[in-house]
Amino acid sequence: YRDDVLNFELSERQQIYSSLPKSVLEDALNDENRVANIAINENGDVVGFFVLHQYYQHEGYDTPEHVVYVRSLSINEKFQGQG
């Protein structure tokens, strides 16, 4: 599904709130504390993407060690609004 993830689309407005998968995929694949995830519809299309990030310390926050962040959560723009 790598090509589908790399061709994932988000509007510029949506990119203010979430990173494109192609921007964060390599970090997720090369960091043992991150796991890249995709959501697939019944036709096998990649419709969603998110990264689970363990032990992430957000600047300005005292984060407990046993926390998993959901990051870069998005739905591919061409599949949005379809329920």
PDB file of N, CA and C in Angstrom:
ATOM      1  N   TYR A   1       0.813  -1.215   0.000  1.00  0.00           N
ATOM      2  CA  TYR A   1       0.000   0.000   0.000  1.00  0.00           C
ATOM      3  C   TYR A   1       0.851   1.272   0.000  1.00  0.00           C
ATOM      4  N   ARG A   2       2.163   1.112  -0.103  1.00  0.00           N
ATOM      5  CA  ARG A   2       3.059   2.268  -0.027  1.00  0.00           C
ATOM      6  C   ARG A   2       2.730   3.334  -1.073  1.00  0.00           C
ATOM      7  N   ASP A   3       2.482   2.934  -2.320  1.00  0.00           N
ATOM      8  CA  ASP A   3       2.160   3.914  -3.358  1.00  0.00           C
ATOM      9  C   ASP A   3       0.883   4.678  -3.031  1.00  0.00           C
ATOM     10  N   ASP A   4      -0.123   3.973  -2.516  1.00  0.00           N
ATOM     11  CA  ASP A   4      -1.372   4.640  -2.133  1.00  0.00           C
ATOM     12  C   ASP A   4      -1.131   5.646  -1.017  1.00  0.00           C
ATOM     13  N   VAL A   5      -0.285   5.288  -0.065  1.00  0.00           N
ATOM     14  CA  VAL A   5       0.021   6.199   1.042  1.00  0.00           C
ATOM     15  C   VAL A   5       0.793   7.419   0.519  1.00  0.00           C
ATOM     16  N   LEU A   6       1.717   7.204  -0.383  1.00  0.00           N
ATOM     17  CA  LEU A   6       2.500   8.317  -0.929  1.00  0.00           C
ATOM     18  C   LEU A   6       1.664   9.225  -1.823  1.00  0.00           C
ATOM     19  N   ASN A   7       0.572   8.716  -2.380  1.00  0.00           N
ATOM     20  CA  ASN A   7      -0.309   9.517  -3.235  1.00  0.00           C
ATOM     21  C   ASN A   7      -1.545  10.041  -2.499  1.00  0.00           C
ATOM     22  N   PHE A   8      -1.555   9.880  -1.205  1.00  0.00           N
ATOM     23  CA  PHE A   8      -2.645  10.342  -0.330  1.00  0.00           C
ATOM     24  C   PHE A   8      -2.817  11.847  -0.513  1.00  0.00           C
ATOM     25  N   GLU A   9      -4.059  12.314  -0.560  1.00  0.00           N
ATOM     26  CA  GLU A   9      -4.332  13.726  -0.799  1.00  0.00           C
ATOM     27  C   GLU A   9      -5.055  14.378   0.376  1.00  0.00           C
ATOM     28  N   LEU A  10      -4.610  15.589   0.712  1.00  0.00           N
ATOM     29  CA  LEU A  10      -5.282  16.451   1.683  1.00  0.00           C
ATOM     30  C   LEU A  10      -5.250  17.875   1.130  1.00  0.00           C
ATOM     31  N   SER A  11      -6.308  18.619   1.370  1.00  0.00           N
ATOM     32  CA  SER A  11      -6.320  20.016   0.939  1.00  0.00           C
ATOM     33  C   SER A  11      -5.297  20.811   1.751  1.00  0.00           C
ATOM     34  N   GLU A  12      -4.927  21.967   1.244  1.00  0.00           N
ATOM     35  CA  GLU A  12      -3.983  22.818   1.981  1.00  0.00           C
ATOM     36  C   GLU A  12      -4.530  23.171   3.359  1.00  0.00           C
ATOM     37  N   ARG A  13      -5.807  23.431   3.427  1.00  0.00           N
ATOM     38  CA  ARG A  13      -6.429  23.761   4.720  1.00  0.00           C
ATOM     39  C   ARG A  13      -6.296  22.610   5.705  1.00  0.00           C
ATOM     40  N   GLN A  14      -6.524  21.379   5.241  1.00  0.00           N
ATOM     41  CA  GLN A  14      -6.411  20.224   6.115  1.00  0.00           C
ATOM     42  C   GLN A  14      -4.968  19.979   6.544  1.00  0.00           C
ATOM     43  N   GLN A  15      -4.023  20.346   5.705  1.00  0.00           N
ATOM     44  CA  GLN A  15      -2.621  20.150   6.032  1.00  0.00           C
ATOM     45  C   GLN A  15      -2.147  21.074   7.150  1.00  0.00           C
ATOM     46  N   ILE A  16      -2.943  22.053   7.512  1.00  0.00           N
ATOM     47  CA  ILE A  16      -2.649  22.889   8.681  1.00  0.00           C
ATOM     48  C   ILE A  16      -2.767  22.045   9.952  1.00  0.00           C
ATOM     49  N   TYR A  17      -3.698  21.095   9.947  1.00  0.00           N
ATOM     50  CA  TYR A  17      -4.021  20.310  11.132  1.00  0.00           C
ATOM     51  C   TYR A  17      -3.431  18.907  11.146  1.00  0.00           C
ATOM     52  N   SER A  18      -3.047  18.391   9.990  1.00  0.00           N
ATOM     53  CA  SER A  18      -2.515  17.041   9.911  1.00  0.00           C
ATOM     54  C   SER A  18      -1.476  16.961   8.806  1.00  0.00           C
ATOM     55  N   SER A  19      -0.441  16.191   9.050  1.00  0.00           N
ATOM     56  CA  SER A  19       0.614  16.021   8.049  1.00  0.00           C
ATOM     57  C   SER A  19       0.181  15.029   6.983  1.00  0.00           C
ATOM     58  N   LEU A  20       0.669  15.256   5.777  1.00  0.00           N
ATOM     59  CA  LEU A  20       0.472  14.254   4.733  1.00  0.00           C
ATOM     60  C   LEU A  20       1.226  12.987   5.127  1.00  0.00           C
ATOM     61  N   PRO A  21       0.666  11.842   4.875  1.00  0.00           N
ATOM     62  CA  PRO A  21       1.362  10.595   5.216  1.00  0.00           C
ATOM     63  C   PRO A  21       2.774  10.516   4.656  1.00  0.00           C
ATOM     64  N   LYS A  22       2.988  10.994   3.424  1.00  0.00           N
ATOM     65  CA  LYS A  22       4.327  10.909   2.839  1.00  0.00           C
ATOM     66  C   LYS A  22       5.346  11.728   3.622  1.00  0.00           C
ATOM     67  N   SER A  23       4.889  12.701   4.411  1.00  0.00           N
ATOM     68  CA  SER A  23       5.795  13.530   5.210  1.00  0.00           C
ATOM     69  C   SER A  23       6.248  12.846   6.495  1.00  0.00           C
ATOM     70  N   VAL A  24       5.487  11.871   6.961  1.00  0.00           N
ATOM     71  CA  VAL A  24       5.791  11.241   8.247  1.00  0.00           C
ATOM     72  C   VAL A  24       6.051   9.740   8.156  1.00  0.00           C
ATOM     73  N   LEU A  25       5.848   9.168   6.983  1.00  0.00           N
ATOM     74  CA  LEU A  25       5.949   7.717   6.831  1.00  0.00           C
ATOM     75  C   LEU A  25       7.341   7.190   7.156  1.00  0.00           C
ATOM     76  N   GLU A  26       8.377   7.778   6.607  1.00  0.00           N
ATOM     77  CA  GLU A  26       9.740   7.277   6.838  1.00  0.00           C
ATOM     78  C   GLU A  26      10.114   7.343   8.318  1.00  0.00           C
ATOM     79  N   ASP A  27       9.746   8.434   8.999  1.00  0.00           N
ATOM     80  CA  ASP A  27      10.016   8.524  10.441  1.00  0.00           C
ATOM     81  C   ASP A  27       9.326   7.396  11.188  1.00  0.00           C
ATOM     82  N   ALA A  28       8.076   7.107  10.801  1.00  0.00           N
ATOM     83  CA  ALA A  28       7.335   6.041  11.477  1.00  0.00           C
ATOM     84  C   ALA A  28       7.950   4.671  11.208  1.00  0.00           C
ATOM     85  N   LEU A  29       8.441   4.466  10.007  1.00  0.00           N
ATOM     86  CA  LEU A  29       9.025   3.170   9.669  1.00  0.00           C
ATOM     87  C   LEU A  29      10.403   2.960  10.286  1.00  0.00           C
ATOM     88  N   ASN A  30      11.080   4.057  10.613  1.00  0.00           N
ATOM     89  CA  ASN A  30      12.447   3.967  11.136  1.00  0.00           C
ATOM     90  C   ASN A  30      12.561   4.222  12.633  1.00  0.00           C
ATOM     91  N   ASP A  31      11.451   4.391  13.318  1.00  0.00           N
ATOM     92  CA  ASP A  31      11.451   4.669  14.758  1.00  0.00           C
ATOM     93  C   ASP A  31      10.655   3.572  15.455  1.00  0.00           C
ATOM     94  N   GLU A  32      11.310   2.831  16.336  1.00  0.00           N
ATOM     95  CA  GLU A  32      10.630   1.713  17.012  1.00  0.00           C
ATOM     96  C   GLU A  32       9.480   2.168  17.899  1.00  0.00           C
ATOM     97  N   ASN A  33       9.403   3.456  18.205  1.00  0.00           N
ATOM     98  CA  ASN A  33       8.322   3.969  19.038  1.00  0.00           C
ATOM     99  C   ASN A  33       7.132   4.482  18.229  1.00  0.00           C
ATOM    100  N   ARG A  34       7.196   4.350  16.897  1.00  0.00           N
ATOM    101  CA  ARG A  34       6.100   4.799  16.034  1.00  0.00           C
ATOM    102  C   ARG A  34       5.623   3.632  15.168  1.00  0.00           C
ATOM    103  N   VAL A  35       4.332   3.619  14.938  1.00  0.00           N
ATOM    104  CA  VAL A  35       3.745   2.602  14.073  1.00  0.00           C
ATOM    105  C   VAL A  35       2.800   3.304  13.101  1.00  0.00           C
ATOM    106  N   ALA A  36       3.093   3.184  11.807  1.00  0.00           N
ATOM    107  CA  ALA A  36       2.219   3.737  10.774  1.00  0.00           C
ATOM    108  C   ALA A  36       1.049   2.781  10.559  1.00  0.00           C
ATOM    109  N   ASN A  37      -0.150   3.334  10.411  1.00  0.00           N
ATOM    110  CA  ASN A  37      -1.362   2.542  10.234  1.00  0.00           C
ATOM    111  C   ASN A  37      -2.175   3.095   9.075  1.00  0.00           C
ATOM    112  N   ILE A  38      -2.831   2.209   8.363  1.00  0.00           N
ATOM    113  CA  ILE A  38      -3.725   2.648   7.303  1.00  0.00           C
ATOM    114  C   ILE A  38      -5.109   2.060   7.540  1.00  0.00           C
ATOM    115  N   ALA A  39      -6.112   2.764   7.026  1.00  0.00           N
ATOM    116  CA  ALA A  39      -7.484   2.262   7.024  1.00  0.00           C
ATOM    117  C   ALA A  39      -7.837   1.971   5.570  1.00  0.00           C
ATOM    118  N   ILE A  40      -8.391   0.800   5.333  1.00  0.00           N
ATOM    119  CA  ILE A  40      -8.700   0.351   3.981  1.00  0.00           C
ATOM    120  C   ILE A  40     -10.199   0.082   3.879  1.00  0.00           C
ATOM    121  N   ASN A  41     -10.800   0.506   2.770  1.00  0.00           N
ATOM    122  CA  ASN A  41     -12.223   0.227   2.582  1.00  0.00           C
ATOM    123  C   ASN A  41     -12.425  -1.165   1.981  1.00  0.00           C
ATOM    124  N   GLU A  42     -13.671  -1.521   1.723  1.00  0.00           N
ATOM    125  CA  GLU A  42     -13.984  -2.863   1.227  1.00  0.00           C
ATOM    126  C   GLU A  42     -13.423  -3.146  -0.166  1.00  0.00           C
ATOM    127  N   ASN A  43     -13.026  -2.090  -0.881  1.00  0.00           N
ATOM    128  CA  ASN A  43     -12.431  -2.256  -2.214  1.00  0.00           C
ATOM    129  C   ASN A  43     -10.902  -2.314  -2.167  1.00  0.00           C
ATOM    130  N   GLY A  44     -10.341  -2.229  -0.966  1.00  0.00           N
ATOM    131  CA  GLY A  44      -8.889  -2.260  -0.825  1.00  0.00           C
ATOM    132  C   GLY A  44      -8.213  -0.921  -1.027  1.00  0.00           C
ATOM    133  N   ASP A  45      -9.006   0.168  -1.059  1.00  0.00           N
ATOM    134  CA  ASP A  45      -8.446   1.514  -1.196  1.00  0.00           C
ATOM    135  C   ASP A  45      -7.975   2.026   0.159  1.00  0.00           C
ATOM    136  N   VAL A  46      -6.825   2.694   0.175  1.00  0.00           N
ATOM    137  CA  VAL A  46      -6.341   3.328   1.404  1.00  0.00           C
ATOM    138  C   VAL A  46      -7.134   4.616   1.592  1.00  0.00           C
ATOM    139  N   VAL A  47      -7.998   4.628   2.604  1.00  0.00           N
ATOM    140  CA  VAL A  47      -8.857   5.783   2.843  1.00  0.00           C
ATOM    141  C   VAL A  47      -8.402   6.611   4.038  1.00  0.00           C
ATOM    142  N   GLY A  48      -7.610   6.031   4.925  1.00  0.00           N
ATOM    143  CA  GLY A  48      -7.171   6.756   6.110  1.00  0.00           C
ATOM    144  C   GLY A  48      -5.754   6.401   6.497  1.00  0.00           C
ATOM    145  N   PHE A  49      -5.183   7.256   7.327  1.00  0.00           N
ATOM    146  CA  PHE A  49      -3.807   7.072   7.782  1.00  0.00           C
ATOM    147  C   PHE A  49      -3.657   7.691   9.166  1.00  0.00           C
ATOM    148  N   PHE A  50      -2.840   7.048  10.016  1.00  0.00           N
ATOM    149  CA  PHE A  50      -2.453   7.651  11.292  1.00  0.00           C
ATOM    150  C   PHE A  50      -1.197   6.959  11.806  1.00  0.00           C
ATOM    151  N   VAL A  51      -0.527   7.623  12.733  1.00  0.00           N
ATOM    152  CA  VAL A  51       0.670   7.076  13.367  1.00  0.00           C
ATOM    153  C   VAL A  51       0.412   6.971  14.857  1.00  0.00           C
ATOM    154  N   LEU A  52       0.712   5.810  15.428  1.00  0.00           N
ATOM    155  CA  LEU A  52       0.711   5.654  16.878  1.00  0.00           C
ATOM    156  C   LEU A  52       2.138   5.905  17.341  1.00  0.00           C
ATOM    157  N   HIS A  53       2.303   6.829  18.285  1.00  0.00           N
ATOM    158  CA  HIS A  53       3.635   7.238  18.730  1.00  0.00           C
ATOM    159  C   HIS A  53       3.728   7.088  20.247  1.00  0.00           C
ATOM    160  N   GLN A  54       4.534   6.139  20.671  1.00  0.00           N
ATOM    161  CA  GLN A  54       4.746   5.861  22.088  1.00  0.00           C
ATOM    162  C   GLN A  54       5.915   6.682  22.598  1.00  0.00           C
ATOM    163  N   TYR A  55       5.832   7.127  23.834  1.00  0.00           N
ATOM    164  CA  TYR A  55       6.893   7.881  24.509  1.00  0.00           C
ATOM    165  C   TYR A  55       7.185   9.234  23.882  1.00  0.00           C
ATOM    166  N   TYR A  56       6.237   9.802  23.164  1.00  0.00           N
ATOM    167  CA  TYR A  56       6.423  11.121  22.569  1.00  0.00           C
ATOM    168  C   TYR A  56       6.321  12.184  23.643  1.00  0.00           C
ATOM    169  N   GLN A  57       7.311  13.050  23.736  1.00  0.00           N
ATOM    170  CA  GLN A  57       7.298  14.132  24.722  1.00  0.00           C
ATOM    171  C   GLN A  57       7.026  15.439  23.991  1.00  0.00           C
ATOM    172  N   HIS A  58       5.807  15.934  24.121  1.00  0.00           N
ATOM    173  CA  HIS A  58       5.425  17.183  23.483  1.00  0.00           C
ATOM    174  C   HIS A  58       6.027  18.351  24.250  1.00  0.00           C
ATOM    175  N   GLU A  59       6.611  19.280  23.544  1.00  0.00           N
ATOM    176  CA  GLU A  59       7.256  20.434  24.179  1.00  0.00           C
ATOM    177  C   GLU A  59       6.251  21.194  25.043  1.00  0.00           C
ATOM    178  N   GLY A  60       6.621  21.449  26.280  1.00  0.00           N
ATOM    179  CA  GLY A  60       5.777  22.196  27.190  1.00  0.00           C
ATOM    180  C   GLY A  60       4.844  21.345  28.032  1.00  0.00           C
ATOM    181  N   TYR A  61       4.835  20.027  27.802  1.00  0.00           N
ATOM    182  CA  TYR A  61       3.964  19.134  28.556  1.00  0.00           C
ATOM    183  C   TYR A  61       4.794  18.061  29.246  1.00  0.00           C
ATOM    184  N   ASP A  62       4.384  17.695  30.451  1.00  0.00           N
ATOM    185  CA  ASP A  62       5.019  16.596  31.161  1.00  0.00           C
ATOM    186  C   ASP A  62       4.199  15.343  30.855  1.00  0.00           C
ATOM    187  N   THR A  63       4.672  14.539  29.939  1.00  0.00           N
ATOM    188  CA  THR A  63       3.916  13.393  29.446  1.00  0.00           C
ATOM    189  C   THR A  63       4.339  12.118  30.157  1.00  0.00           C
ATOM    190  N   PRO A  64       3.392  11.356  30.686  1.00  0.00           N
ATOM    191  CA  PRO A  64       3.729  10.062  31.289  1.00  0.00           C
ATOM    192  C   PRO A  64       4.335   9.127  30.244  1.00  0.00           C
ATOM    193  N   GLU A  65       5.143   8.183  30.702  1.00  0.00           N
ATOM    194  CA  GLU A  65       5.801   7.260  29.777  1.00  0.00           C
ATOM    195  C   GLU A  65       4.838   6.293  29.103  1.00  0.00           C
ATOM    196  N   HIS A  66       3.760   5.945  29.760  1.00  0.00           N
ATOM    197  CA  HIS A  66       2.851   4.926  29.227  1.00  0.00           C
ATOM    198  C   HIS A  66       1.674   5.568  28.491  1.00  0.00           C
ATOM    199  N   VAL A  67       2.013   6.391  27.524  1.00  0.00           N
ATOM    200  CA  VAL A  67       1.015   7.080  26.715  1.00  0.00           C
ATOM    201  C   VAL A  67       1.321   6.804  25.250  1.00  0.00           C
ATOM    202  N   VAL A  68       0.282   6.622  24.468  1.00  0.00           N
ATOM    203  CA  VAL A  68       0.445   6.480  23.031  1.00  0.00           C
ATOM    204  C   VAL A  68      -0.354   7.600  22.370  1.00  0.00           C
ATOM    205  N   TYR A  69       0.326   8.398  21.563  1.00  0.00           N
ATOM    206  CA  TYR A  69      -0.319   9.485  20.841  1.00  0.00           C
ATOM    207  C   TYR A  69      -0.795   8.995  19.478  1.00  0.00           C
ATOM    208  N   VAL A  70      -1.946   9.491  19.061  1.00  0.00           N
ATOM    209  CA  VAL A  70      -2.408   9.298  17.698  1.00  0.00           C
ATOM    210  C   VAL A  70      -2.012  10.563  16.946  1.00  0.00           C
ATOM    211  N   ARG A  71      -1.161  10.393  15.943  1.00  0.00           N
ATOM    212  CA  ARG A  71      -0.650  11.554  15.213  1.00  0.00           C
ATOM    213  C   ARG A  71      -0.940  11.399  13.725  1.00  0.00           C
ATOM    214  N   SER A  72      -0.984  12.529  13.046  1.00  0.00           N
ATOM    215  CA  SER A  72      -1.168  12.570  11.587  1.00  0.00           C
ATOM    216  C   SER A  72      -2.412  11.819  11.135  1.00  0.00           C
ATOM    217  N   LEU A  73      -3.464  11.899  11.925  1.00  0.00           N
ATOM    218  CA  LEU A  73      -4.727  11.230  11.600  1.00  0.00           C
ATOM    219  C   LEU A  73      -5.436  11.993  10.483  1.00  0.00           C
ATOM    220  N   SER A  74      -5.765  11.293   9.405  1.00  0.00           N
ATOM    221  CA  SER A  74      -6.468  11.946   8.304  1.00  0.00           C
ATOM    222  C   SER A  74      -7.180  10.914   7.441  1.00  0.00           C
ATOM    223  N   ILE A  75      -8.165  11.416   6.696  1.00  0.00           N
ATOM    224  CA  ILE A  75      -8.881  10.634   5.694  1.00  0.00           C
ATOM    225  C   ILE A  75      -8.508  11.204   4.340  1.00  0.00           C
ATOM    226  N   ASN A  76      -8.134  10.337   3.410  1.00  0.00           N
ATOM    227  CA  ASN A  76      -7.777  10.768   2.063  1.00  0.00           C
ATOM    228  C   ASN A  76      -8.901  11.624   1.495  1.00  0.00           C
ATOM    229  N   GLU A  77      -8.549  12.792   0.977  1.00  0.00           N
ATOM    230  CA  GLU A  77      -9.546  13.758   0.534  1.00  0.00           C
ATOM    231  C   GLU A  77     -10.531  13.163  -0.478  1.00  0.00           C
ATOM    232  N   LYS A  78     -10.067  12.288  -1.357  1.00  0.00           N
ATOM    233  CA  LYS A  78     -10.972  11.755  -2.371  1.00  0.00           C
ATOM    234  C   LYS A  78     -12.002  10.776  -1.804  1.00  0.00           C
ATOM    235  N   PHE A  79     -11.852  10.388  -0.527  1.00  0.00           N
ATOM    236  CA  PHE A  79     -12.826   9.496   0.114  1.00  0.00           C
ATOM    237  C   PHE A  79     -13.628  10.195   1.211  1.00  0.00           C
ATOM    238  N   GLN A  80     -13.401  11.467   1.422  1.00  0.00           N
ATOM    239  CA  GLN A  80     -14.115  12.198   2.469  1.00  0.00           C
ATOM    240  C   GLN A  80     -15.569  12.424   2.054  1.00  0.00           C
ATOM    241  N   GLY A  81     -16.436  12.479   3.066  1.00  0.00           N
ATOM    242  CA  GLY A  81     -17.855  12.752   2.831  1.00  0.00           C
ATOM    243  C   GLY A  81     -18.652  11.565   2.309  1.00  0.00           C
ATOM    244  N   GLN A  82     -18.085  10.372   2.440  1.00  0.00           N
ATOM    245  CA  GLN A  82     -18.780   9.197   1.919  1.00  0.00           C
ATOM    246  C   GLN A  82     -19.319   8.295   3.042  1.00  0.00           C
ATOM    247  N   GLY A  83     -19.298   8.814   4.263  1.00  0.00           N
ATOM    248  CA  GLY A  83     -19.824   8.048   5.378  1.00  0.00           C
ATOM    249  C   GLY A  83     -18.889   7.013   5.921  1.00  0.00           C
TER     250      GLY A  83
END
